[in-house]
Amino acid sequence: MVDHVYDPPERCVAGSVGPPGQRTFFVQATDGARRTTVSLEKEQVRLLGTSLVQLIDEVAPREGSEEAAAAYLDNAPLDAPFDDDFRVQRLSIAWQPERERVVIEAYDRPDIEDLMGLDPEGDYPWDGLPPQSLAIVLDAPRARAFASRCTASLEGGRPGCPFCGQPLDPSGHICPRANGYRR
């Protein structure tokens, strides 16, 4: 069962808050006065954006073209407050061919198969709490516009090391390509 369903949302955006190196990434879905905000890892935002583009290019390249998506680009900031409803542990995207819609689902815990073999007496952060989830249903142009917003939210981070590509902190970093010397 999905807790928060937006089919379709009035607004669906990805964004980040905080200085480079300390940013928190969010996805927000809004419909009238109702808003759901979930926090994600930077890599989850990157994979969500690239996966959406690949899916749209495969199943709806004409309907979800960049030209069609341009009308739905949303460059406005995230809506405050930035309190997340839950932290995303698992994401999925799917195509509904009968409706020609993309479905993005986010869950606050991993799939049960991912937990198989782990300590059955393990202490998980969600123990005792009901599961939470978010489903966002978008047509192809809106999904591509959302994917563009995912990519834009990643920009403005820390610059990369010219030798190894890892992010540089203001104080530098231990560079593996320089045999551990600080760059």
C-alpha atoms as a PDB file:
ATOM      1  CA  MET A   1       0.000   0.000   0.000  1.00  0.00           C
ATOM      2  CA  VAL A   2       1.271   3.452  -0.915  1.00  0.00           C
ATOM      3  CA  ASP A   3       0.792   6.192   1.676  1.00  0.00           C
ATOM      4  CA  HIS A   4       1.223   9.320  -0.434  1.00  0.00           C
ATOM      5  CA  VAL A   5      -0.090   9.214  -4.021  1.00  0.00           C
ATOM      6  CA  TYR A   6       0.155  12.120  -6.470  1.00  0.00           C
ATOM      7  CA  ASP A   7      -1.595  11.240  -9.730  1.00  0.00           C
ATOM      8  CA  PRO A   8      -0.643  13.717 -11.134  1.00  0.00           C
ATOM      9  CA  PRO A   9       0.997  16.238  -8.806  1.00  0.00           C
ATOM     10  CA  GLU A  10       0.624  19.963  -9.362  1.00  0.00           C
ATOM     11  CA  ARG A  11       4.357  20.239  -8.747  1.00  0.00           C
ATOM     12  CA  CYS A  12       7.125  17.636  -8.578  1.00  0.00           C
ATOM     13  CA  VAL A  13      10.717  18.816  -8.071  1.00  0.00           C
ATOM     14  CA  ALA A  14      14.106  17.657  -6.849  1.00  0.00           C
ATOM     15  CA  GLY A  15      16.451  20.009  -5.059  1.00  0.00           C
ATOM     16  CA  SER A  16      19.134  20.365  -2.451  1.00  0.00           C
ATOM     17  CA  VAL A  17      19.661  22.473   0.642  1.00  0.00           C
ATOM     18  CA  GLY A  18      22.967  23.342   2.273  1.00  0.00           C
ATOM     19  CA  PRO A  19      26.520  24.242   1.286  1.00  0.00           C
ATOM     20  CA  PRO A  20      28.498  22.025  -1.128  1.00  0.00           C
ATOM     21  CA  GLY A  21      29.743  18.935   0.635  1.00  0.00           C
ATOM     22  CA  GLN A  22      26.973  19.158   3.234  1.00  0.00           C
ATOM     23  CA  ARG A  23      23.890  19.264   1.044  1.00  0.00           C
ATOM     24  CA  THR A  24      20.734  17.306   1.705  1.00  0.00           C
ATOM     25  CA  PHE A  25      18.774  16.232  -1.374  1.00  0.00           C
ATOM     26  CA  PHE A  26      14.979  16.210  -1.503  1.00  0.00           C
ATOM     27  CA  VAL A  27      12.091  15.321  -3.792  1.00  0.00           C
ATOM     28  CA  GLN A  28       8.853  17.207  -3.236  1.00  0.00           C
ATOM     29  CA  ALA A  29       5.425  16.435  -4.635  1.00  0.00           C
ATOM     30  CA  THR A  30       2.636  18.970  -4.160  1.00  0.00           C
ATOM     31  CA  ASP A  31      -1.082  18.922  -4.845  1.00  0.00           C
ATOM     32  CA  GLY A  32      -2.983  21.896  -3.476  1.00  0.00           C
ATOM     33  CA  ALA A  33      -2.259  22.251   0.240  1.00  0.00           C
ATOM     34  CA  ARG A  34      -0.913  18.687   0.415  1.00  0.00           C
ATOM     35  CA  ARG A  35       2.874  18.275   0.141  1.00  0.00           C
ATOM     36  CA  THR A  36       5.186  15.310   0.650  1.00  0.00           C
ATOM     37  CA  THR A  37       8.936  15.826   1.000  1.00  0.00           C
ATOM     38  CA  VAL A  38      11.375  12.914   1.067  1.00  0.00           C
ATOM     39  CA  SER A  39      15.144  13.043   1.478  1.00  0.00           C
ATOM     40  CA  LEU A  40      17.538  11.025  -0.671  1.00  0.00           C
ATOM     41  CA  GLU A  41      21.216  10.438  -1.238  1.00  0.00           C
ATOM     42  CA  LYS A  42      22.894  12.400  -4.010  1.00  0.00           C
ATOM     43  CA  GLU A  43      23.507   9.198  -5.981  1.00  0.00           C
ATOM     44  CA  GLN A  44      19.819   8.280  -5.751  1.00  0.00           C
ATOM     45  CA  VAL A  45      18.903  11.637  -7.318  1.00  0.00           C
ATOM     46  CA  ARG A  46      21.485  11.098 -10.071  1.00  0.00           C
ATOM     47  CA  LEU A  47      20.215   7.575 -10.834  1.00  0.00           C
ATOM     48  CA  LEU A  48      16.580   8.699 -10.728  1.00  0.00           C
ATOM     49  CA  GLY A  49      17.224  11.418 -13.308  1.00  0.00           C
ATOM     50  CA  THR A  50      19.266   9.240 -15.683  1.00  0.00           C
ATOM     51  CA  SER A  51      16.871   6.292 -15.352  1.00  0.00           C
ATOM     52  CA  LEU A  52      13.892   8.485 -16.186  1.00  0.00           C
ATOM     53  CA  VAL A  53      15.606   9.825 -19.302  1.00  0.00           C
ATOM     54  CA  GLN A  54      16.502   6.289 -20.437  1.00  0.00           C
ATOM     55  CA  LEU A  55      12.952   5.068 -19.831  1.00  0.00           C
ATOM     56  CA  ILE A  56      11.351   7.976 -21.694  1.00  0.00           C
ATOM     57  CA  ASP A  57      13.794   7.634 -24.606  1.00  0.00           C
ATOM     58  CA  GLU A  58      12.822   3.975 -24.852  1.00  0.00           C
ATOM     59  CA  VAL A  59       9.031   4.089 -24.470  1.00  0.00           C
ATOM     60  CA  ALA A  60       7.901   7.622 -25.392  1.00  0.00           C
ATOM     61  CA  PRO A  61      10.676   9.491 -27.227  1.00  0.00           C
ATOM     62  CA  ARG A  62       8.352  11.752 -29.220  1.00  0.00           C
ATOM     63  CA  GLU A  63       5.846  12.532 -26.450  1.00  0.00           C
ATOM     64  CA  GLY A  64       8.606  13.016 -23.886  1.00  0.00           C
ATOM     65  CA  SER A  65      10.971  15.044 -26.044  1.00  0.00           C
ATOM     66  CA  GLU A  66      12.998  17.892 -24.592  1.00  0.00           C
ATOM     67  CA  GLU A  67      10.868  20.333 -26.574  1.00  0.00           C
ATOM     68  CA  ALA A  68       7.663  18.940 -25.025  1.00  0.00           C
ATOM     69  CA  ALA A  69       9.250  18.980 -21.550  1.00  0.00           C
ATOM     70  CA  ALA A  70      10.338  22.628 -21.847  1.00  0.00           C
ATOM     71  CA  ALA A  71       6.788  23.779 -21.039  1.00  0.00           C
ATOM     72  CA  TYR A  72       6.954  21.977 -17.679  1.00  0.00           C
ATOM     73  CA  LEU A  73      10.417  22.956 -16.458  1.00  0.00           C
ATOM     74  CA  ASP A  74      10.223  24.202 -12.862  1.00  0.00           C
ATOM     75  CA  ASN A  75      13.238  26.178 -11.681  1.00  0.00           C
ATOM     76  CA  ALA A  76      11.620  27.577  -8.549  1.00  0.00           C
ATOM     77  CA  PRO A  77      13.180  26.620  -5.217  1.00  0.00           C
ATOM     78  CA  LEU A  78      11.873  23.849  -3.013  1.00  0.00           C
ATOM     79  CA  ASP A  79       8.912  24.806  -0.839  1.00  0.00           C
ATOM     80  CA  ALA A  80       9.821  25.432   2.808  1.00  0.00           C
ATOM     81  CA  PRO A  81       9.937  23.882   5.344  1.00  0.00           C
ATOM     82  CA  PHE A  82      12.435  21.216   4.337  1.00  0.00           C
ATOM     83  CA  ASP A  83      11.426  18.635   6.918  1.00  0.00           C
ATOM     84  CA  ASP A  84      11.317  15.260   5.243  1.00  0.00           C
ATOM     85  CA  ASP A  85       8.368  12.929   5.721  1.00  0.00           C
ATOM     86  CA  PHE A  86      10.810  10.027   5.447  1.00  0.00           C
ATOM     87  CA  ARG A  87      14.278   9.081   4.195  1.00  0.00           C
ATOM     88  CA  VAL A  88      14.214   7.084   0.958  1.00  0.00           C
ATOM     89  CA  GLN A  89      15.813   3.651   1.132  1.00  0.00           C
ATOM     90  CA  ARG A  90      14.450   2.255  -2.133  1.00  0.00           C
ATOM     91  CA  LEU A  91      13.304   3.786  -5.424  1.00  0.00           C
ATOM     92  CA  SER A  92      11.568   2.301  -8.430  1.00  0.00           C
ATOM     93  CA  ILE A  93      10.316   3.640 -11.720  1.00  0.00           C
ATOM     94  CA  ALA A  94       7.896   1.966 -14.095  1.00  0.00           C
ATOM     95  CA  TRP A  95       5.974   2.681 -17.279  1.00  0.00           C
ATOM     96  CA  GLN A  96       2.195   2.191 -17.360  1.00  0.00           C
ATOM     97  CA  PRO A  97       1.580   1.514 -21.068  1.00  0.00           C
ATOM     98  CA  GLU A  98      -2.230   1.609 -20.797  1.00  0.00           C
ATOM     99  CA  ARG A  99      -2.099   5.151 -19.381  1.00  0.00           C
ATOM    100  CA  GLU A 100       1.213   6.185 -20.980  1.00  0.00           C
ATOM    101  CA  ARG A 101       2.496   7.370 -17.624  1.00  0.00           C
ATOM    102  CA  VAL A 102       5.695   7.064 -15.605  1.00  0.00           C
ATOM    103  CA  VAL A 103       5.306   5.936 -12.000  1.00  0.00           C
ATOM    104  CA  ILE A 104       8.017   6.836  -9.490  1.00  0.00           C
ATOM    105  CA  GLU A 105       7.812   5.034  -6.154  1.00  0.00           C
ATOM    106  CA  ALA A 106       9.915   5.759  -3.062  1.00  0.00           C
ATOM    107  CA  TYR A 107       9.986   3.629   0.083  1.00  0.00           C
ATOM    108  CA  ASP A 108      11.409   4.236   3.544  1.00  0.00           C
ATOM    109  CA  ARG A 109      12.900   0.737   3.827  1.00  0.00           C
ATOM    110  CA  PRO A 110      14.676  -1.761   1.599  1.00  0.00           C
ATOM    111  CA  ASP A 111      12.923  -4.607  -0.160  1.00  0.00           C
ATOM    112  CA  ILE A 112      12.437  -7.648   2.074  1.00  0.00           C
ATOM    113  CA  GLU A 113      14.716  -9.708  -0.216  1.00  0.00           C
ATOM    114  CA  ASP A 114      17.515  -7.220   0.468  1.00  0.00           C
ATOM    115  CA  LEU A 115      17.175  -7.978   4.166  1.00  0.00           C
ATOM    116  CA  MET A 116      17.285 -11.771   3.752  1.00  0.00           C
ATOM    117  CA  GLY A 117      20.335 -13.248   5.405  1.00  0.00           C
ATOM    118  CA  LEU A 118      20.816 -10.264   7.698  1.00  0.00           C
ATOM    119  CA  ASP A 119      20.746 -10.718  11.444  1.00  0.00           C
ATOM    120  CA  PRO A 120      17.098 -11.516  12.306  1.00  0.00           C
ATOM    121  CA  GLU A 121      17.650  -9.882  15.671  1.00  0.00           C
ATOM    122  CA  GLY A 122      18.997  -6.772  13.934  1.00  0.00           C
ATOM    123  CA  ASP A 123      17.914  -3.355  15.134  1.00  0.00           C
ATOM    124  CA  TYR A 124      16.563  -1.421  12.153  1.00  0.00           C
ATOM    125  CA  PRO A 125      15.710   2.293  12.307  1.00  0.00           C
ATOM    126  CA  TRP A 126      12.122   1.615  11.254  1.00  0.00           C
ATOM    127  CA  ASP A 127      11.416  -1.144  13.819  1.00  0.00           C
ATOM    128  CA  GLY A 128       7.980  -0.621  15.266  1.00  0.00           C
ATOM    129  CA  LEU A 129       7.066   2.075  12.722  1.00  0.00           C
ATOM    130  CA  PRO A 130       4.591   1.556   9.887  1.00  0.00           C
ATOM    131  CA  PRO A 131       6.123   1.582   6.396  1.00  0.00           C
ATOM    132  CA  GLN A 132       5.924   4.809   4.406  1.00  0.00           C
ATOM    133  CA  SER A 133       5.920   5.298   0.669  1.00  0.00           C
ATOM    134  CA  LEU A 134       5.365   7.874  -2.032  1.00  0.00           C
ATOM    135  CA  ALA A 135       4.036   7.353  -5.570  1.00  0.00           C
ATOM    136  CA  ILE A 136       4.250  10.053  -8.237  1.00  0.00           C
ATOM    137  CA  VAL A 137       2.527   9.549 -11.601  1.00  0.00           C
ATOM    138  CA  LEU A 138       3.727  11.753 -14.481  1.00  0.00           C
ATOM    139  CA  ASP A 139       3.164  11.914 -18.212  1.00  0.00           C
ATOM    140  CA  ALA A 140       6.289  11.714 -20.389  1.00  0.00           C
ATOM    141  CA  PRO A 141       6.937  15.470 -20.810  1.00  0.00           C
ATOM    142  CA  ARG A 142       6.587  16.123 -17.076  1.00  0.00           C
ATOM    143  CA  ALA A 143       8.794  13.131 -16.273  1.00  0.00           C
ATOM    144  CA  ARG A 144      11.543  14.482 -18.551  1.00  0.00           C
ATOM    145  CA  ALA A 145      11.201  17.933 -16.972  1.00  0.00           C
ATOM    146  CA  PHE A 146      11.522  16.308 -13.536  1.00  0.00           C
ATOM    147  CA  ALA A 147      14.618  14.397 -14.731  1.00  0.00           C
ATOM    148  CA  SER A 148      16.139  17.716 -15.838  1.00  0.00           C
ATOM    149  CA  ARG A 149      15.446  19.121 -12.380  1.00  0.00           C
ATOM    150  CA  CYS A 150      17.195  16.083 -10.833  1.00  0.00           C
ATOM    151  CA  THR A 151      20.284  16.833 -12.931  1.00  0.00           C
ATOM    152  CA  ALA A 152      20.163  20.553 -12.096  1.00  0.00           C
ATOM    153  CA  SER A 153      19.963  19.800  -8.357  1.00  0.00           C
ATOM    154  CA  LEU A 154      23.323  18.018  -8.571  1.00  0.00           C
ATOM    155  CA  GLU A 155      25.120  21.048  -9.980  1.00  0.00           C
ATOM    156  CA  GLY A 156      26.893  23.471  -7.708  1.00  0.00           C
ATOM    157  CA  GLY A 157      28.595  20.830  -5.613  1.00  0.00           C
ATOM    158  CA  ARG A 158      32.242  20.642  -4.664  1.00  0.00           C
ATOM    159  CA  PRO A 159      34.731  20.797  -7.545  1.00  0.00           C
ATOM    160  CA  GLY A 160      36.431  17.570  -8.523  1.00  0.00           C
ATOM    161  CA  CYS A 161      40.109  16.796  -8.068  1.00  0.00           C
ATOM    162  CA  PRO A 162      41.882  17.135 -11.428  1.00  0.00           C
ATOM    163  CA  PHE A 163      43.850  13.945 -10.689  1.00  0.00           C
ATOM    164  CA  CYS A 164      41.317  11.460  -9.285  1.00  0.00           C
ATOM    165  CA  GLY A 165      37.926  13.137  -9.778  1.00  0.00           C
ATOM    166  CA  GLN A 166      36.887  12.864  -6.107  1.00  0.00           C
ATOM    167  CA  PRO A 167      35.248  15.946  -4.579  1.00  0.00           C
ATOM    168  CA  LEU A 168      37.629  18.515  -3.117  1.00  0.00           C
ATOM    169  CA  ASP A 169      36.946  19.885   0.340  1.00  0.00           C
ATOM    170  CA  PRO A 170      38.038  23.482   1.045  1.00  0.00           C
ATOM    171  CA  SER A 171      41.002  21.995   2.936  1.00  0.00           C
ATOM    172  CA  GLY A 172      41.824  19.586   0.053  1.00  0.00           C
ATOM    173  CA  HIS A 173      41.685  15.801   0.226  1.00  0.00           C
ATOM    174  CA  ILE A 174      43.895  12.737   0.387  1.00  0.00           C
ATOM    175  CA  CYS A 175      44.359  11.923  -3.306  1.00  0.00           C
ATOM    176  CA  PRO A 176      44.845   8.234  -4.134  1.00  0.00           C
ATOM    177  CA  ARG A 177      46.518   9.115  -7.447  1.00  0.00           C
ATOM    178  CA  ALA A 178      49.100  11.222  -5.582  1.00  0.00           C
ATOM    179  CA  ASN A 179      49.965   8.313  -3.251  1.00  0.00           C
ATOM    180  CA  GLY A 180      48.083   9.820  -0.353  1.00  0.00           C
ATOM    181  CA  TYR A 181      49.481  13.332  -0.529  1.00  0.00           C
ATOM    182  CA  ARG A 182      47.015  16.094   0.273  1.00  0.00           C
ATOM    183  CA  ARG A 183      45.921  18.109  -2.783  1.00  0.00           C
END
